[in-house]
Amino acid sequence: MNVIIGLVAALGGLAVGYLVRHILGTLKADAAEKRAQVSMTEAEREAGAIRKEGQIHAKAEVLKAREEFEKSTKKRRNELEAIEERVSQRETNLDRKMALVEKKEGQVDGRTAELEGQIKQVETREAKAKALIEEETQKLQRVAGMTRDEAKQSLLERVEQDVHNETGGLIRRLQETAKETAEVDAKRIVAMAVQRYGASHSSAITTSVVQLPSDDMKGRIIGRDGRNIRTLESVTGVNLLIDDTPEAVVISGFDPLRREVARQSLETLVADGRIHPARIEEVVAKVREELDDSIRKLGEEAAYEADIQNVDPELLRRLGRLQYRTSYSQNVLRHSLEVSRLMGTMASEMGLDIVVAKRIGLFHDIGKALDHEVEGGHALIGADLLKRHNESSVVVNAVAAHHDDVEAESVYAFLAAAADAISSSRLGARSETTEIYLKRLENLERIANDFEGVTKSYAIQAGREVRVLVEPEAIDDNDAMVLARNVSKKIESDLQYPGQIRVTVVRETRCVEYAR
């Protein structure tokens, strides 16, 4: 019984607990639902506010876009109105011009008709004139007894004979006058030019000597096993002569620029005291750079001294190199300035262009700055250099012809030859001993005479040319060309000389008959 009561009580407690939990769950659900409804209400209110704000913003954007559209439309409308106005003005102008053109066309048509009438009148008159001329010509032919062509030919022959006689007489008179006055005028001009120009005597030498502080320096220049002197000779291209001459080293070389580089480099090394292969190469490179600047300045100074303008920088550099070139101990740059002044003086006396004459004189030996690098005579080399740098044809021809390498095309070439001879032959200009000069001429003639078929040879133009006379029976034209080449090669291998030597082979055949 107690058990049953306990069971009933437990079941009742469970039922009551379930009921209480159900009631509590219902109350919680109602509270949650109320909170959800509140949240929904707030969300809807916020969404409405956002929607209204978005609508307001959209309306503002639409209004802004509409204002911008209306503004751009108004601007475009104004532009279109301006364009329409300009088009209207152009149409008005075109209408006015068309009216003027139509008016002028009418005037032209009227003038054309008038001219056509005048042309017809002229043609009619011309036909009448031709008929009258033909009639008169026939009458004259009947009276003269010859045709028009025959009369014209007769008149031309008579006039030609008269002109020929007068021309011959005039030429003879001019030749006689020229013979009487040319030599006197030439002597006067040359004498005046020589008197008006004075220059110092040349004393340049062909070797360079470097003084040493002591003979001990010679050993340092030679270096261990001769490495220093070999390096110096190699980088400068000269020969160093170290002999018993006290406190001096002689520099020998064919190229004067190389000698100058070697001289300045050796003086710098001796003064510095540090002499070794690396230092030698450094000093030589620096001296060459400084010498290039010095050469350019020398060319500019020479052009300024000769009063020559508009000279190509490359020509100025070549001109400056002539300072280190001598011809029989005469400085070539000083010689060029002398020739420039002499040509200017003679040109002024002859009424020629002084500027052109002085320019030719300054450039006449510019080829000597290149004759060690290019084959040929310095006159032709210089002319080619001037032509490549756009000098005038008068200057180019005068430079090429001043040693008769080409035919002279102007009187300036003869002036250049005369001024060159004056500058070269004046007292003290060149210092070559008579023995050396004669020995060189004898060697030239001896080399030419050693070839078979040569009858006689002559060294002329101060040893610049060899004339070789051959037997015409033993040497034909082809052999003469070969002989000229062989003689030139022999001279090149056996002799040392500045510039070039021309070899001219002369083959002459004379046919003689006697009329009895």
Protein backbone atom coordinates (compact mmCIF):
# COMPACT_ATOMS: atom_id res chain seq x y z
CA MET A 1 0.00 0.00 0.00
CA ASN A 2 2.80 2.31 0.85
CA VAL A 3 4.44 1.36 -2.34
CA ILE A 4 1.41 2.29 -4.34
CA ILE A 5 1.11 5.57 -2.59
CA GLY A 6 4.76 6.30 -3.31
CA LEU A 7 4.29 5.49 -6.98
CA VAL A 8 1.22 7.71 -7.21
CA ALA A 9 3.12 10.51 -5.48
CA ALA A 10 6.06 10.15 -7.90
CA LEU A 11 3.77 10.18 -10.90
CA GLY A 12 2.04 13.23 -9.53
CA GLY A 13 5.37 14.97 -8.99
CA LEU A 14 6.40 14.17 -12.57
CA ALA A 15 3.15 15.54 -13.89
CA VAL A 16 3.45 18.66 -11.86
CA GLY A 17 7.10 19.15 -12.97
CA TYR A 18 6.18 18.64 -16.62
CA LEU A 19 3.33 21.12 -16.28
CA VAL A 20 5.57 23.67 -14.60
CA ARG A 21 8.25 23.27 -17.30
CA HIS A 22 5.62 23.59 -20.02
CA ILE A 23 4.30 26.78 -18.46
CA LEU A 24 7.80 28.20 -18.13
CA GLY A 25 8.62 27.29 -21.78
CA THR A 26 5.43 28.96 -22.94
CA LEU A 27 6.29 32.11 -21.02
CA LYS A 28 9.84 32.15 -22.48
CA ALA A 29 8.51 31.66 -26.03
CA ASP A 30 6.09 34.52 -25.59
CA ALA A 31 8.89 36.77 -24.34
CA ALA A 32 11.13 35.75 -27.27
CA GLU A 33 8.32 36.37 -29.72
CA LYS A 34 7.74 39.81 -28.25
CA ARG A 35 11.43 40.60 -28.51
CA ALA A 36 11.46 39.38 -32.12
CA GLN A 37 8.49 41.54 -32.96
CA VAL A 38 10.26 44.53 -31.38
CA SER A 39 13.41 43.76 -33.41
CA MET A 40 11.33 43.38 -36.57
CA THR A 41 9.65 46.68 -35.90
CA GLU A 42 12.99 48.41 -35.35
CA ALA A 43 14.49 46.75 -38.48
CA GLU A 44 11.51 47.82 -40.57
CA ARG A 45 11.81 51.35 -39.18
CA GLU A 46 15.57 51.42 -39.99
CA ALA A 47 14.97 49.95 -43.46
CA GLY A 48 12.37 52.63 -44.09
CA ALA A 49 14.83 55.30 -43.02
CA ILE A 50 17.54 53.85 -45.26
CA ARG A 51 15.09 53.60 -48.12
CA LYS A 52 14.06 57.20 -47.72
CA GLU A 53 17.70 58.29 -47.49
CA GLY A 54 18.52 56.29 -50.64
CA GLN A 55 15.58 57.84 -52.46
CA ILE A 56 16.72 61.32 -51.40
CA HIS A 57 20.32 60.58 -52.53
CA ALA A 58 19.10 59.15 -55.84
CA LYS A 59 16.96 62.20 -56.44
CA ALA A 60 20.00 64.43 -55.70
CA GLU A 61 22.15 62.46 -58.15
CA VAL A 62 19.45 62.65 -60.80
CA LEU A 63 19.17 66.40 -60.28
CA LYS A 64 22.95 66.78 -60.47
CA ALA A 65 23.18 64.68 -63.64
CA ARG A 66 20.31 66.65 -65.14
CA GLU A 67 22.07 69.94 -64.34
CA GLU A 68 25.35 68.72 -65.87
CA PHE A 69 23.52 67.44 -68.93
CA GLU A 70 21.69 70.73 -69.35
CA LYS A 71 24.97 72.63 -68.89
CA SER A 72 26.85 70.51 -71.50
CA THR A 73 23.85 70.65 -73.80
CA LYS A 74 23.75 74.42 -73.47
CA LYS A 75 27.51 74.65 -74.21
CA ARG A 76 27.19 72.37 -77.22
CA ARG A 77 24.16 74.35 -78.37
CA ASN A 78 26.19 77.56 -78.14
CA GLU A 79 29.03 75.95 -80.11
CA LEU A 80 26.61 74.74 -82.75
CA GLU A 81 25.09 78.19 -82.98
CA ALA A 82 28.58 79.70 -83.41
CA ILE A 83 29.42 77.12 -86.09
CA GLU A 84 26.13 77.82 -87.84
CA GLU A 85 26.89 81.53 -87.73
CA ARG A 86 30.37 80.99 -89.24
CA VAL A 87 28.94 78.70 -91.90
CA SER A 88 26.33 81.33 -92.70
CA GLN A 89 29.05 83.99 -92.98
CA ARG A 90 31.09 81.72 -95.25
CA GLU A 91 28.09 81.05 -97.41
CA THR A 92 27.53 84.79 -97.66
CA ASN A 93 31.19 85.35 -98.59
CA LEU A 94 31.06 82.52 -101.12
CA ASP A 95 27.97 84.01 -102.69
CA ARG A 96 29.72 87.36 -102.91
CA LYS A 97 32.85 85.76 -104.40
CA MET A 98 30.79 83.75 -106.85
CA ALA A 99 29.15 86.95 -107.97
CA LEU A 100 32.55 88.56 -108.47
CA VAL A 101 33.83 85.50 -110.33
CA GLU A 102 30.81 85.51 -112.61
CA LYS A 103 31.33 89.18 -113.24
CA LYS A 104 35.04 88.64 -114.05
CA GLU A 105 34.18 85.69 -116.27
CA GLY A 106 31.89 87.94 -118.21
CA GLN A 107 34.67 90.51 -118.52
CA VAL A 108 37.14 87.81 -119.59
CA ASP A 109 34.74 86.50 -122.20
CA GLY A 110 34.36 89.99 -123.57
CA ARG A 111 38.13 90.57 -123.55
CA THR A 112 38.70 87.18 -125.21
CA ALA A 113 36.32 88.02 -127.99
CA GLU A 114 38.06 91.36 -128.44
CA LEU A 115 41.50 89.69 -128.53
CA GLU A 116 40.32 87.12 -131.04
CA GLY A 117 39.21 89.94 -133.28
CA GLN A 118 42.57 91.66 -132.91
CA ILE A 119 44.42 88.39 -133.60
CA LYS A 120 42.48 87.95 -136.82
CA GLN A 121 43.39 91.51 -137.83
CA VAL A 122 47.07 90.87 -137.02
CA GLU A 123 47.06 87.62 -138.99
CA THR A 124 45.54 89.40 -141.96
CA ARG A 125 48.17 92.17 -141.77
CA GLU A 126 50.98 89.60 -141.31
CA ALA A 127 49.84 87.72 -144.41
CA LYS A 128 49.83 90.96 -146.38
CA ALA A 129 53.32 91.85 -145.03
CA LYS A 130 54.71 88.41 -145.96
CA ALA A 131 53.31 88.78 -149.44
CA LEU A 132 54.90 92.21 -149.79
CA ILE A 133 58.25 90.95 -148.42
CA GLU A 134 58.23 88.00 -150.79
CA GLU A 135 57.44 90.28 -153.71
CA GLU A 136 60.24 92.70 -152.75
CA THR A 137 62.66 89.80 -152.20
CA GLN A 138 61.99 88.45 -155.66
CA LYS A 139 62.56 91.92 -157.12
CA LEU A 140 65.89 92.25 -155.21
CA GLN A 141 67.01 88.79 -156.36
CA ARG A 142 66.26 89.68 -159.98
CA VAL A 143 68.21 92.95 -159.60
CA ALA A 144 71.18 91.40 -157.67
CA GLY A 145 71.39 88.23 -159.68
CA MET A 146 71.67 85.92 -156.57
CA THR A 147 69.35 84.20 -154.11
CA ARG A 148 68.83 85.12 -150.45
CA ASP A 149 71.05 82.25 -149.18
CA GLU A 150 73.79 83.19 -151.62
CA ALA A 151 73.69 86.82 -150.48
CA LYS A 152 73.74 85.78 -146.79
CA GLN A 153 76.72 83.46 -147.37
CA SER A 154 78.63 86.18 -149.23
CA LEU A 155 78.01 88.69 -146.45
CA LEU A 156 79.09 86.22 -143.75
CA GLU A 157 82.31 85.39 -145.59
CA ARG A 158 83.17 89.07 -145.94
CA VAL A 159 82.46 89.80 -142.27
CA GLU A 160 84.41 86.71 -141.18
CA GLN A 161 87.44 87.78 -143.21
CA ASP A 162 87.35 91.30 -141.77
CA VAL A 163 87.03 90.03 -138.20
CA HIS A 164 89.83 87.49 -138.75
CA ASN A 165 92.20 90.17 -140.00
CA GLU A 166 91.38 92.51 -137.12
CA THR A 167 91.67 89.70 -134.56
CA GLY A 168 95.05 88.59 -135.86
CA GLY A 169 96.39 92.13 -135.71
CA LEU A 170 95.03 92.65 -132.23
CA ILE A 171 96.57 89.39 -131.00
CA ARG A 172 99.95 90.33 -132.44
CA ARG A 173 99.81 93.75 -130.82
CA LEU A 174 98.81 92.27 -127.45
CA GLN A 175 101.58 89.67 -127.65
CA GLU A 176 104.17 92.30 -128.45
CA THR A 177 102.93 94.50 -125.61
CA ALA A 178 102.92 91.55 -123.20
CA LYS A 179 106.46 90.59 -124.16
CA GLU A 180 107.62 94.14 -123.56
CA THR A 181 105.92 94.62 -120.19
CA ALA A 182 105.39 91.15 -118.67
CA GLU A 183 108.99 90.52 -117.63
CA VAL A 184 109.39 94.02 -116.22
CA ASP A 185 106.11 93.83 -114.29
CA ALA A 186 106.90 90.35 -112.98
CA LYS A 187 110.30 91.45 -111.71
CA ARG A 188 108.78 94.55 -110.14
CA ILE A 189 106.05 92.60 -108.34
CA VAL A 190 108.44 89.93 -107.05
CA ALA A 191 111.00 92.50 -105.92
CA MET A 192 108.33 94.58 -104.20
CA ALA A 193 106.93 91.48 -102.41
CA VAL A 194 110.39 90.45 -101.21
CA GLN A 195 111.19 93.97 -100.02
CA ARG A 196 107.91 94.32 -98.14
CA TYR A 197 108.28 90.99 -96.33
CA GLY A 198 110.95 90.09 -93.83
CA ALA A 199 111.24 86.94 -91.75
CA SER A 200 113.73 85.43 -89.37
CA HIS A 201 116.21 82.81 -90.51
CA SER A 202 115.39 79.18 -89.89
CA SER A 203 117.51 77.18 -87.50
CA ALA A 204 115.43 74.03 -86.98
CA ILE A 205 117.28 70.72 -86.83
CA THR A 206 116.15 67.21 -87.61
CA THR A 207 117.28 65.52 -84.37
CA SER A 208 116.37 66.18 -80.75
CA VAL A 209 118.76 66.22 -77.81
CA VAL A 210 117.64 65.80 -74.19
CA GLN A 211 120.03 67.11 -71.54
CA LEU A 212 120.50 64.93 -68.45
CA PRO A 213 121.38 66.07 -64.92
CA SER A 214 124.15 63.45 -64.77
CA ASP A 215 125.51 60.45 -66.63
CA ASP A 216 124.02 58.17 -63.97
CA MET A 217 120.62 58.92 -65.47
CA LYS A 218 121.63 57.06 -68.65
CA GLY A 219 121.65 53.77 -66.77
CA ARG A 220 118.18 54.44 -65.37
CA ILE A 221 116.91 55.29 -68.85
CA ILE A 222 118.31 52.02 -70.18
CA GLY A 223 116.90 50.03 -67.24
CA ARG A 224 117.51 46.46 -66.21
CA ASP A 225 118.34 44.39 -69.30
CA GLY A 226 117.39 47.43 -71.40
CA ARG A 227 113.65 47.15 -70.66
CA ASN A 228 113.12 50.90 -70.11
CA ILE A 229 114.75 52.02 -73.34
CA ARG A 230 112.98 49.28 -75.31
CA THR A 231 109.61 50.34 -73.90
CA LEU A 232 110.28 54.01 -74.69
CA GLU A 233 111.38 53.23 -78.24
CA SER A 234 108.40 50.91 -78.74
CA VAL A 235 105.66 53.30 -77.57
CA THR A 236 107.14 56.39 -79.28
CA GLY A 237 108.47 54.83 -82.49
CA VAL A 238 111.90 56.53 -82.35
CA ASN A 239 115.48 55.48 -81.69
CA LEU A 240 117.37 56.64 -78.59
CA LEU A 241 121.11 57.02 -79.05
CA ILE A 242 122.95 56.80 -75.74
CA ASP A 243 126.66 57.13 -76.38
CA ASP A 244 129.67 58.79 -74.81
CA THR A 245 128.23 62.29 -75.19
CA PRO A 246 128.28 63.67 -71.64
CA GLU A 247 124.90 64.24 -69.98
CA ALA A 248 122.88 64.01 -73.22
CA VAL A 249 120.62 61.58 -75.09
CA VAL A 250 119.98 61.93 -78.84
CA ILE A 251 116.51 61.10 -80.20
CA SER A 252 116.44 60.04 -83.85
CA GLY A 253 113.31 59.38 -85.90
CA PHE A 254 111.84 60.01 -89.34
CA ASP A 255 108.56 61.43 -88.01
CA PRO A 256 109.08 64.82 -86.28
CA LEU A 257 105.91 64.41 -84.21
CA ARG A 258 107.21 61.15 -82.78
CA ARG A 259 110.52 62.83 -81.97
CA GLU A 260 108.67 65.63 -80.16
CA VAL A 261 106.57 63.15 -78.16
CA ALA A 262 109.70 61.22 -77.23
CA ARG A 263 111.57 64.40 -76.26
CA GLN A 264 108.84 65.75 -74.00
CA SER A 265 108.20 62.31 -72.48
CA LEU A 266 111.90 61.75 -71.72
CA GLU A 267 112.25 65.22 -70.18
CA THR A 268 109.20 64.54 -67.97
CA LEU A 269 110.59 61.15 -66.90
CA VAL A 270 114.04 62.58 -66.13
CA ALA A 271 112.53 65.41 -64.08
CA ASP A 272 110.21 63.01 -62.22
CA GLY A 273 112.88 60.39 -61.59
CA ARG A 274 110.47 57.44 -61.76
CA ILE A 275 111.44 55.50 -64.87
CA HIS A 276 109.86 52.10 -65.43
CA PRO A 277 107.74 50.61 -68.28
CA ALA A 278 104.32 51.38 -66.75
CA ARG A 279 105.33 54.96 -65.93
CA ILE A 280 106.79 55.42 -69.44
CA GLU A 281 103.51 54.36 -71.10
CA GLU A 282 101.51 56.67 -68.82
CA VAL A 283 103.74 59.68 -69.51
CA VAL A 284 103.80 59.09 -73.29
CA ALA A 285 99.97 58.89 -73.40
CA LYS A 286 99.65 62.14 -71.46
CA VAL A 287 102.24 63.93 -73.64
CA ARG A 288 100.44 62.84 -76.81
CA GLU A 289 97.17 64.26 -75.49
CA GLU A 290 98.81 67.56 -74.57
CA LEU A 291 100.59 67.69 -77.93
CA ASP A 292 97.25 67.26 -79.78
CA ASP A 293 95.87 70.31 -77.97
CA SER A 294 99.04 72.24 -78.72
CA ILE A 295 98.85 71.32 -82.43
CA ARG A 296 95.24 72.51 -82.65
CA LYS A 297 96.14 75.84 -81.01
CA LEU A 298 99.11 76.28 -83.37
CA GLY A 299 96.78 75.81 -86.36
CA GLU A 300 94.31 78.36 -84.97
CA GLU A 301 97.11 80.86 -84.33
CA ALA A 302 98.49 80.39 -87.85
CA ALA A 303 95.04 80.97 -89.41
CA TYR A 304 94.59 84.07 -87.23
CA GLU A 305 98.03 85.37 -88.15
CA ALA A 306 97.29 84.89 -91.86
CA ASP A 307 93.85 86.51 -91.39
CA ILE A 308 92.07 83.41 -92.74
CA GLN A 309 88.56 82.63 -91.51
CA ASN A 310 86.05 79.78 -91.80
CA VAL A 311 88.65 77.01 -91.71
CA ASP A 312 87.57 73.44 -90.97
CA PRO A 313 88.86 72.23 -87.53
CA GLU A 314 90.52 69.20 -89.16
CA LEU A 315 92.46 71.50 -91.52
CA LEU A 316 93.55 73.59 -88.54
CA ARG A 317 94.85 70.45 -86.84
CA ARG A 318 96.75 69.39 -89.96
CA LEU A 319 98.10 72.92 -90.27
CA GLY A 320 99.38 72.85 -86.70
CA ARG A 321 101.29 69.61 -87.40
CA LEU A 322 103.46 71.53 -89.88
CA GLN A 323 105.12 73.22 -86.86
CA TYR A 324 106.92 69.91 -86.30
CA ARG A 325 107.86 69.39 -89.93
CA THR A 326 110.96 70.86 -91.57
CA SER A 327 112.10 70.99 -95.16
CA TYR A 328 115.88 71.34 -95.40
CA SER A 329 115.77 72.77 -91.82
CA GLN A 330 113.08 75.33 -92.78
CA ASN A 331 110.01 75.14 -90.56
CA VAL A 332 107.09 74.30 -92.87
CA LEU A 333 104.45 76.22 -90.86
CA ARG A 334 106.60 79.37 -90.88
CA HIS A 335 107.24 78.78 -94.57
CA SER A 336 103.47 78.51 -95.24
CA LEU A 337 102.83 81.80 -93.45
CA GLU A 338 105.61 83.43 -95.51
CA VAL A 339 104.08 82.17 -98.76
CA SER A 340 100.65 83.39 -97.62
CA ARG A 341 101.95 86.91 -97.00
CA LEU A 342 103.95 86.99 -100.24
CA MET A 343 100.95 85.83 -102.28
CA GLY A 344 98.72 88.43 -100.63
CA THR A 345 101.21 91.18 -101.46
CA MET A 346 101.58 90.12 -105.10
CA ALA A 347 97.83 89.59 -105.50
CA SER A 348 97.15 93.15 -104.30
CA GLU A 349 99.56 94.50 -106.96
CA MET A 350 97.88 92.43 -109.67
CA GLY A 351 94.32 93.31 -108.68
CA LEU A 352 93.45 89.74 -107.60
CA ASP A 353 91.48 88.50 -104.61
CA ILE A 354 93.86 88.91 -101.66
CA VAL A 355 91.87 86.62 -99.35
CA VAL A 356 91.93 83.74 -101.86
CA ALA A 357 95.65 84.25 -102.50
CA LYS A 358 96.54 84.22 -98.80
CA ARG A 359 94.36 81.14 -98.25
CA ILE A 360 96.18 79.27 -101.03
CA GLY A 361 99.56 80.29 -99.63
CA LEU A 362 98.68 79.08 -96.14
CA PHE A 363 97.42 75.70 -97.41
CA HIS A 364 99.91 75.09 -100.26
CA ASP A 365 102.10 72.67 -98.22
CA ILE A 366 99.39 71.18 -95.97
CA GLY A 367 99.92 67.84 -97.72
CA LYS A 368 103.28 67.57 -95.93
CA ALA A 369 101.34 66.86 -92.74
CA LEU A 370 100.12 63.64 -94.39
CA ASP A 371 102.84 62.61 -96.86
CA HIS A 372 104.22 60.09 -94.34
CA GLU A 373 100.79 58.44 -94.11
CA VAL A 374 99.55 58.63 -97.74
CA GLU A 375 101.37 57.73 -100.93
CA GLY A 376 101.92 60.52 -103.45
CA GLY A 377 103.29 64.04 -103.65
CA HIS A 378 102.42 66.55 -100.99
CA ALA A 379 100.78 68.90 -103.51
CA LEU A 380 98.25 66.29 -104.67
CA ILE A 381 97.75 64.97 -101.13
CA GLY A 382 97.04 68.49 -99.87
CA ALA A 383 94.67 69.22 -102.77
CA ASP A 384 92.71 66.04 -102.05
CA LEU A 385 92.52 66.93 -98.34
CA LEU A 386 91.24 70.44 -99.14
CA LYS A 387 88.68 69.07 -101.59
CA ARG A 388 87.32 66.65 -98.97
CA HIS A 389 86.84 69.60 -96.59
CA ASN A 390 84.88 71.69 -99.13
CA GLU A 391 87.52 74.23 -100.12
CA SER A 392 86.86 76.07 -103.39
CA SER A 393 88.03 74.63 -106.71
CA VAL A 394 90.40 77.60 -107.21
CA VAL A 395 92.19 76.83 -103.92
CA VAL A 396 92.31 73.08 -104.63
CA ASN A 397 93.74 73.50 -108.15
CA ALA A 398 96.32 76.10 -107.09
CA VAL A 399 97.61 73.83 -104.30
CA ALA A 400 97.76 70.81 -106.64
CA ALA A 401 99.48 72.77 -109.43
CA HIS A 402 102.11 74.73 -107.50
CA HIS A 403 104.69 72.00 -108.32
CA ASP A 404 103.30 71.34 -111.86
CA ASP A 405 101.70 68.05 -110.80
CA VAL A 406 98.51 69.10 -112.61
CA GLU A 407 97.67 71.79 -115.13
CA ALA A 408 97.08 75.25 -113.63
CA GLU A 409 93.56 76.59 -114.09
CA SER A 410 94.12 80.08 -112.66
CA VAL A 411 96.86 82.65 -112.14
CA TYR A 412 96.85 81.83 -108.40
CA ALA A 413 98.72 78.58 -109.12
CA PHE A 414 101.60 80.53 -110.71
CA LEU A 415 101.59 82.98 -107.80
CA ALA A 416 101.83 80.04 -105.38
CA ALA A 417 104.80 78.58 -107.26
CA ALA A 418 106.55 81.98 -107.32
CA ALA A 419 105.93 82.71 -103.63
CA ASP A 420 107.04 79.18 -102.69
CA ALA A 421 110.29 79.64 -104.61
CA ILE A 422 110.90 83.05 -103.01
CA SER A 423 110.36 81.75 -99.48
CA SER A 424 112.50 78.66 -100.09
CA SER A 425 115.41 80.38 -101.81
CA ARG A 426 115.78 83.54 -99.73
CA LEU A 427 119.06 83.90 -97.90
CA GLY A 428 119.17 81.83 -94.72
CA ALA A 429 115.82 80.14 -95.28
CA ARG A 430 117.28 76.67 -95.68
CA SER A 431 120.54 75.33 -94.36
CA GLU A 432 121.69 72.31 -96.30
CA THR A 433 125.39 71.95 -97.00
CA THR A 434 126.50 71.84 -100.60
CA GLU A 435 128.25 68.50 -100.08
CA ILE A 436 125.10 66.77 -98.82
CA TYR A 437 123.01 68.30 -101.57
CA LEU A 438 125.39 67.25 -104.34
CA LYS A 439 125.80 63.79 -102.86
CA ARG A 440 122.04 63.23 -102.92
CA LEU A 441 121.82 64.34 -106.55
CA GLU A 442 124.75 62.10 -107.51
CA ASN A 443 123.13 59.10 -105.80
CA LEU A 444 119.87 59.67 -107.64
CA GLU A 445 121.61 59.86 -111.01
CA ARG A 446 123.81 56.86 -110.18
CA ILE A 447 120.83 54.66 -109.31
CA ALA A 448 119.06 55.56 -112.55
CA ASN A 449 122.19 55.07 -114.70
CA ASP A 450 122.72 51.53 -113.35
CA PHE A 451 119.69 50.22 -115.27
CA GLU A 452 120.14 48.72 -118.73
CA GLY A 453 119.01 50.85 -121.66
CA VAL A 454 119.50 54.20 -119.85
CA THR A 455 121.61 56.69 -121.75
CA LYS A 456 121.57 59.60 -119.31
CA SER A 457 119.73 60.76 -116.18
CA TYR A 458 119.33 64.18 -114.61
CA ALA A 459 118.31 65.05 -111.04
CA ILE A 460 116.25 68.26 -111.16
CA GLN A 461 114.03 70.38 -108.90
CA ALA A 462 116.46 70.18 -105.97
CA GLY A 463 116.40 66.40 -106.09
CA ARG A 464 112.61 66.07 -106.17
CA GLU A 465 112.57 64.62 -109.70
CA VAL A 466 114.78 62.37 -111.84
CA ARG A 467 114.57 62.56 -115.64
CA VAL A 468 115.75 59.30 -117.21
CA LEU A 469 116.60 59.26 -120.95
CA VAL A 470 116.54 55.81 -122.59
CA GLU A 471 117.48 54.30 -125.94
CA PRO A 472 114.28 54.04 -128.02
CA GLU A 473 115.58 50.95 -129.86
CA ALA A 474 116.26 49.05 -126.61
CA ILE A 475 113.31 50.23 -124.52
CA ASP A 476 109.72 50.25 -125.83
CA ASP A 477 106.73 51.99 -124.21
CA ASN A 478 105.85 49.07 -121.94
CA ASP A 479 109.48 48.65 -120.86
CA ALA A 480 109.62 52.38 -120.08
CA MET A 481 106.74 52.04 -117.62
CA VAL A 482 108.43 49.06 -115.96
CA LEU A 483 111.73 50.94 -115.83
CA ALA A 484 110.12 53.93 -114.08
CA ARG A 485 108.67 51.65 -111.43
CA ASN A 486 111.97 49.77 -110.93
CA VAL A 487 113.94 53.00 -110.55
CA SER A 488 111.46 54.35 -107.99
CA LYS A 489 111.61 51.12 -105.99
CA LYS A 490 115.42 51.19 -106.05
CA ILE A 491 115.45 54.78 -104.79
CA GLU A 492 113.03 53.88 -102.00
CA SER A 493 115.22 51.02 -100.82
CA ASP A 494 118.62 52.72 -101.12
CA LEU A 495 118.05 56.37 -100.11
CA GLN A 496 116.50 58.35 -97.27
CA TYR A 497 114.78 61.59 -98.27
CA PRO A 498 111.88 63.83 -97.19
CA GLY A 499 108.66 63.86 -99.20
CA GLN A 500 108.72 62.08 -102.55
CA ILE A 501 110.85 61.90 -105.70
CA ARG A 502 109.25 61.78 -109.14
CA VAL A 503 110.80 59.43 -111.71
CA THR A 504 110.16 60.43 -115.34
CA VAL A 505 111.33 58.13 -118.13
CA VAL A 506 111.74 59.91 -121.49
CA ARG A 507 111.69 57.77 -124.65
CA GLU A 508 112.11 59.78 -127.82
CA THR A 509 112.18 58.56 -131.43
CA ARG A 510 113.38 60.95 -134.16
CA CYS A 511 112.88 60.24 -137.84
CA VAL A 512 115.21 62.24 -140.11
CA GLU A 513 115.21 62.37 -143.90
CA TYR A 514 117.01 64.67 -146.31
CA ALA A 515 115.46 66.20 -149.41
CA ARG A 516 117.96 66.46 -152.28
